[in-house]
Protein backbone atom coordinates (compact mmCIF):
# COMPACT_ATOMS: atom_id res chain seq x y z
CA MET A 1 -33.85 -11.72 11.58
CA ARG A 2 -31.15 -12.67 9.09
CA SER A 3 -30.18 -10.69 6.04
CA PRO A 4 -28.15 -12.19 3.22
CA ILE A 5 -24.72 -10.66 2.58
CA HIS A 6 -24.37 -9.62 -1.04
CA ILE A 7 -21.27 -11.04 -2.69
CA PHE A 8 -20.05 -8.68 -5.40
CA SER A 9 -18.27 -9.85 -8.53
CA VAL A 10 -15.07 -8.03 -9.44
CA ALA A 11 -16.91 -6.33 -12.31
CA GLU A 12 -19.74 -5.18 -9.99
CA TYR A 13 -17.23 -3.84 -7.47
CA LEU A 14 -15.20 -1.93 -10.06
CA GLU A 15 -18.35 -0.45 -11.60
CA ALA A 16 -19.75 0.66 -8.22
CA GLU A 17 -16.37 1.97 -7.06
CA SER A 18 -16.00 4.12 -10.18
CA LYS A 19 -19.18 5.98 -9.15
CA SER A 20 -18.70 6.03 -5.38
CA GLU A 21 -17.68 9.10 -3.40
CA VAL A 22 -16.36 6.80 -0.65
CA ARG A 23 -13.49 4.37 -1.24
CA HIS A 24 -14.10 0.69 -0.52
CA GLU A 25 -11.69 -2.23 -0.28
CA TYR A 26 -12.77 -5.54 -1.83
CA LEU A 27 -12.04 -8.85 -0.13
CA GLY A 28 -13.21 -11.88 -2.10
CA GLY A 29 -16.66 -10.51 -2.90
CA GLN A 30 -17.29 -8.44 0.21
CA VAL A 31 -16.90 -4.67 0.19
CA PHE A 32 -15.74 -2.53 3.13
CA ALA A 33 -15.81 1.27 3.38
CA MET A 34 -12.53 2.94 4.30
CA ALA A 35 -12.13 5.38 7.17
CA GLY A 36 -10.68 8.84 6.64
CA GLY A 37 -7.17 9.68 7.83
CA SER A 38 -5.76 12.27 10.22
CA LYS A 39 -3.76 15.34 9.18
CA ALA A 40 -0.53 13.59 10.23
CA HIS A 41 -1.48 10.54 8.14
CA ASN A 42 -2.09 12.74 5.11
CA ILE A 43 1.09 14.78 5.52
CA ILE A 44 3.25 11.65 5.89
CA THR A 45 1.61 10.04 2.85
CA LEU A 46 2.11 13.19 0.80
CA ASN A 47 5.74 13.52 1.97
CA ILE A 48 6.55 9.97 0.87
CA ALA A 49 4.70 10.13 -2.45
CA SER A 50 5.94 13.57 -3.49
CA ARG A 51 9.57 12.79 -2.59
CA LEU A 52 9.48 9.47 -4.47
CA ARG A 53 7.70 11.03 -7.44
CA SER A 54 10.37 13.72 -7.61
CA LEU A 55 13.19 11.18 -7.41
CA LEU A 56 11.61 8.85 -9.99
CA ARG A 57 10.70 11.53 -12.51
CA ARG A 58 11.78 10.56 -16.05
CA ASN A 59 12.06 6.96 -14.90
CA SER A 60 10.00 3.94 -15.93
CA CYS A 61 8.42 3.70 -12.46
CA ASP A 62 5.08 5.21 -11.43
CA VAL A 63 4.18 6.43 -7.93
CA PHE A 64 0.56 6.42 -6.78
CA MET A 65 -1.20 7.65 -3.66
CA SER A 66 -4.29 6.63 -1.75
CA ASP A 67 -6.76 6.60 -4.66
CA MET A 68 -5.06 3.86 -6.68
CA LYS A 69 -5.99 0.26 -5.93
CA VAL A 70 -3.70 -2.77 -5.97
CA LYS A 71 -5.19 -6.06 -7.18
CA LEU A 72 -4.05 -9.36 -5.70
CA LYS A 73 -5.16 -12.84 -4.67
CA ALA A 74 -5.84 -13.67 -1.02
CA ALA A 75 -3.16 -15.81 0.63
CA ASN A 76 -3.96 -19.54 0.30
CA GLN A 77 -7.22 -18.77 -1.49
CA ASN A 78 -8.32 -18.03 -5.00
CA LYS A 79 -10.22 -14.87 -4.06
CA THR A 80 -9.52 -11.46 -5.56
CA ILE A 81 -8.70 -8.55 -3.28
CA PHE A 82 -8.44 -4.83 -3.99
CA TYR A 83 -6.69 -2.67 -1.39
CA TYR A 84 -5.96 1.06 -1.42
CA PRO A 85 -2.38 1.38 -0.14
CA ASP A 86 -1.28 4.81 1.04
CA VAL A 87 1.59 4.86 -1.48
CA LEU A 88 2.60 2.30 -4.07
CA ILE A 89 5.18 2.06 -6.82
CA THR A 90 5.16 -0.04 -9.95
CA CYS A 91 8.01 -0.29 -12.44
CA ASN A 92 6.42 -2.99 -14.57
CA PRO A 93 5.59 -1.93 -18.16
CA GLU A 94 2.68 -4.42 -18.16
CA ASP A 95 0.88 -2.39 -15.45
CA LYS A 96 -1.44 -0.63 -17.86
CA ASP A 97 -4.83 -0.93 -16.16
CA LYS A 98 -6.54 2.41 -15.67
CA TYR A 99 -7.91 1.82 -12.15
CA PHE A 100 -5.54 -0.56 -10.37
CA VAL A 101 -1.96 -1.84 -10.21
CA ASN A 102 -1.14 -5.53 -10.65
CA TYR A 103 2.65 -5.51 -10.20
CA PRO A 104 3.72 -3.22 -7.34
CA CYS A 105 7.35 -3.38 -6.22
CA VAL A 106 6.92 -1.19 -3.11
CA ILE A 107 3.83 -0.60 -0.94
CA PHE A 108 3.60 1.87 1.97
CA GLU A 109 0.91 1.86 4.64
CA VAL A 110 0.83 4.70 7.18
CA LEU A 111 -0.44 3.16 10.40
CA SER A 112 -3.53 4.56 12.08
CA PRO A 113 -5.57 3.25 15.02
CA SER A 114 -8.35 1.96 12.75
CA THR A 115 -6.06 0.15 10.26
CA GLU A 116 -2.93 -0.88 12.16
CA ALA A 117 -4.05 -4.43 13.03
CA SER A 118 -5.16 -5.08 9.45
CA ASP A 119 -1.97 -3.55 7.99
CA ARG A 120 0.23 -5.69 10.26
CA ARG A 121 -1.60 -8.99 9.80
CA GLU A 122 -4.10 -9.38 6.97
CA LYS A 123 -2.46 -7.02 4.50
CA LEU A 124 1.05 -8.20 5.35
CA VAL A 125 0.11 -11.84 4.67
CA ASN A 126 -1.80 -10.99 1.49
CA TYR A 127 0.77 -8.53 0.14
CA GLN A 128 3.49 -11.16 0.56
CA THR A 129 1.73 -13.27 -2.11
CA ILE A 130 2.48 -10.62 -4.78
CA ALA A 131 5.47 -11.94 -6.72
CA SER A 132 6.55 -8.46 -7.87
CA LEU A 133 6.44 -6.94 -4.36
CA GLN A 134 9.92 -6.52 -2.92
CA GLU A 135 9.25 -4.12 -0.04
CA TYR A 136 6.28 -3.49 2.25
CA VAL A 137 6.79 -0.45 4.46
CA LEU A 138 4.77 0.36 7.59
CA VAL A 139 5.11 3.95 8.78
CA SER A 140 4.06 5.05 12.27
CA GLN A 141 2.33 8.41 12.50
CA ASP A 142 2.80 8.64 16.26
CA ASP A 143 6.55 7.92 16.49
CA MET A 144 9.48 8.32 14.13
CA LYS A 145 9.47 4.60 13.37
CA VAL A 146 9.38 2.66 10.10
CA GLU A 147 9.17 -1.11 9.65
CA VAL A 148 10.37 -2.57 6.35
CA TYR A 149 9.47 -6.06 5.18
CA ARG A 150 11.75 -7.17 2.34
CA GLN A 151 11.61 -10.15 0.02
CA ASP A 152 15.02 -11.59 -0.85
CA LEU A 153 16.06 -13.41 -4.02
CA LEU A 154 14.93 -16.75 -2.55
CA GLY A 155 11.44 -15.38 -1.80
CA ASP A 156 11.99 -15.23 1.97
CA TRP A 157 10.86 -12.16 3.91
CA THR A 158 12.85 -10.26 6.52
CA MET A 159 11.84 -7.33 8.73
CA GLU A 160 13.88 -4.28 9.75
CA VAL A 161 12.86 -1.57 12.21
CA LEU A 162 14.18 1.95 11.59
CA GLY A 163 14.33 4.85 14.02
CA SER A 164 14.89 8.59 13.87
CA GLU A 165 18.57 8.39 12.91
CA ASP A 166 18.14 5.74 10.20
CA THR A 167 17.61 5.97 6.45
CA LEU A 168 14.99 3.96 4.59
CA VAL A 169 16.75 2.21 1.70
CA LEU A 170 14.41 0.97 -1.02
CA ASN A 171 16.41 -1.67 -2.86
CA SER A 172 13.69 -2.33 -5.43
CA ILE A 173 13.95 1.19 -6.87
CA ASN A 174 17.50 1.98 -5.75
CA LEU A 175 16.47 5.05 -3.69
CA SER A 176 16.63 6.18 -0.09
CA LEU A 177 14.43 8.35 2.11
CA THR A 178 15.58 9.95 5.34
CA MET A 179 13.30 10.13 8.34
CA ALA A 180 13.30 13.91 7.79
CA ASP A 181 11.88 13.28 4.28
CA ILE A 182 9.12 11.06 5.65
CA TYR A 183 8.25 13.08 8.77
CA GLU A 184 8.67 16.63 7.47
CA ASP A 185 6.28 18.98 9.32
CA ILE A 186 5.29 16.21 11.78
CA PHE A 187 8.05 16.07 14.43
């Protein structure tokens, strides 16, 4: 027996999401519930967001955690997507929407077994279509390892892998985080 898949409009999704106790990501009309994270995932996310928030205080940039959506278009398609990154930063004064960010400059995803493949492939490809995005950062919760995807002035992307002795330099906001900042109370 076949059942039709309901395709939600952006307005329907945003309305339903505003009343939902469970977060859902939106991919071109389809809605997917998000899994919960581990303690390590939450601590790492909080470490990153709180450190960045402290460093960017009294600055024109805003730091958001897991409950703020980012809106974008799917790569090579004209379909709207809403993702919930673990941490995101916007410094664009036009980012005034109440429930999502349109112009992120940095996005962090803390890798977990249920999201790692999506974070590395689907989200990487889709996030790279955001003109304002300069850095996409993948943070392992099992090892002291960070991968940074950076967009250069020509629009090309590079990738850098950082280990326990390295420092994460965020060129887009002119700040750095040590691995100790990111992994405090984890390792």
